[in-house]
Amino acid sequence: MLVTQGLVHQGYLAANPRFGSLPKVALAGLLGFGLGKVSYIGVCQSKFHSFQEQLRGAGFGPEHNRHCLLTCKECKIRRGLSENQGSQPSAS
């Protein structure tokens, strides 16, 4: 935005007769913001992939316990016991 303002001030870009340099500076700001967001998409995706295992325990993923939002030791033990009991056939 600063470069665009300098170019308008030096006369390399023509200023709008009614609004001055504002439209060109605003457009430069929007384009810079958009390009910054697009360039950060890959970094953001890699951060989410690296935290995939940690997010599952925090309420994300198919193994999330919907009744208890806490991931305390007691909840982990209960979940482990219920999974083990469900996989073994009963004797009755």
Protein backbone atom coordinates (compact mmCIF):
# COMPACT_ATOMS: atom_id res chain seq x y z
CA MET A 1 0.00 0.00 0.00
CA LEU A 2 2.90 2.32 0.82
CA VAL A 3 4.52 1.69 -2.58
CA THR A 4 1.23 2.38 -4.35
CA GLN A 5 0.79 5.61 -2.42
CA GLY A 6 4.34 6.61 -3.37
CA LEU A 7 3.72 5.86 -7.04
CA VAL A 8 0.57 7.99 -7.02
CA HIS A 9 2.39 10.80 -5.20
CA GLN A 10 5.31 10.74 -7.68
CA GLY A 11 2.88 10.78 -10.64
CA TYR A 12 3.59 7.31 -12.02
CA LEU A 13 -0.03 6.35 -11.30
CA ALA A 14 -2.88 8.79 -11.91
CA ALA A 15 -5.01 9.72 -8.92
CA ASN A 16 -8.79 9.58 -9.15
CA PRO A 17 -10.18 13.13 -9.54
CA ARG A 18 -12.84 12.57 -6.90
CA PHE A 19 -11.28 10.11 -4.39
CA GLY A 20 -7.56 10.71 -4.92
CA SER A 21 -5.23 7.77 -4.27
CA LEU A 22 -7.69 5.91 -2.00
CA PRO A 23 -9.09 3.45 -4.60
CA LYS A 24 -5.65 2.36 -5.80
CA VAL A 25 -4.24 2.08 -2.28
CA ALA A 26 -7.30 0.12 -1.09
CA LEU A 27 -7.03 -2.25 -4.06
CA ALA A 28 -3.34 -2.79 -3.35
CA GLY A 29 -4.19 -3.56 0.29
CA LEU A 30 -6.89 -6.07 -0.65
CA LEU A 31 -4.62 -7.80 -3.17
CA GLY A 32 -1.80 -7.98 -0.61
CA PHE A 33 -4.13 -9.42 2.01
CA GLY A 34 -5.51 -12.01 -0.43
CA LEU A 35 -2.08 -13.09 -1.63
CA GLY A 36 -0.90 -13.38 1.97
CA LYS A 37 -3.83 -15.62 2.85
CA VAL A 38 -3.32 -17.82 -0.21
CA SER A 39 0.39 -18.19 0.51
CA TYR A 40 -0.32 -19.30 4.10
CA ILE A 41 -2.81 -22.08 3.20
CA GLY A 42 -0.12 -24.77 2.88
CA VAL A 43 1.45 -23.87 6.24
CA CYS A 44 -1.95 -23.93 7.96
CA GLN A 45 -2.83 -27.34 6.49
CA SER A 46 0.49 -28.83 7.57
CA LYS A 47 -0.07 -27.57 11.13
CA PHE A 48 -3.47 -29.27 11.29
CA HIS A 49 -2.04 -32.53 9.92
CA SER A 50 0.77 -32.50 12.49
CA PHE A 51 -1.71 -32.07 15.36
CA GLN A 52 -4.13 -34.70 14.06
CA GLU A 53 -3.54 -37.15 16.91
CA GLN A 54 -3.73 -34.47 19.59
CA LEU A 55 -7.00 -33.07 18.22
CA ARG A 56 -8.75 -36.45 18.37
CA GLY A 57 -8.50 -36.48 22.15
CA ALA A 58 -9.78 -32.91 22.36
CA GLY A 59 -13.18 -33.58 20.83
CA PHE A 60 -12.40 -34.25 17.18
CA GLY A 61 -12.47 -37.45 15.19
CA PRO A 62 -14.49 -40.67 15.27
CA GLU A 63 -13.10 -41.89 18.62
CA HIS A 64 -14.35 -38.88 20.56
CA ASN A 65 -16.42 -39.66 23.65
CA ARG A 66 -19.51 -37.48 23.22
CA HIS A 67 -20.70 -37.88 26.83
CA CYS A 68 -17.53 -36.61 28.47
CA LEU A 69 -15.60 -33.67 27.07
CA LEU A 70 -12.75 -34.17 29.53
CA THR A 71 -9.78 -36.36 28.68
CA CYS A 72 -8.80 -37.18 32.24
CA LYS A 73 -7.25 -40.49 33.32
CA GLU A 74 -10.58 -41.76 34.66
CA CYS A 75 -12.32 -41.15 31.33
CA LYS A 76 -9.52 -42.85 29.43
CA ILE A 77 -9.75 -45.89 31.73
CA ARG A 78 -13.54 -46.08 31.32
CA ARG A 79 -13.26 -45.80 27.56
CA GLY A 80 -10.56 -48.49 27.51
CA LEU A 81 -12.67 -50.85 29.63
CA SER A 82 -15.78 -50.36 27.52
CA GLU A 83 -13.82 -50.99 24.29
CA ASN A 84 -12.28 -54.19 25.72
CA GLN A 85 -15.63 -55.49 26.98
CA GLY A 86 -17.32 -54.80 23.65
CA SER A 87 -14.75 -56.83 21.70
CA GLN A 88 -15.01 -59.99 23.88
CA PRO A 89 -18.02 -62.29 23.48
CA SER A 90 -20.07 -62.88 26.60
CA ALA A 91 -20.35 -66.30 28.25
CA SER A 92 -24.14 -66.16 28.71
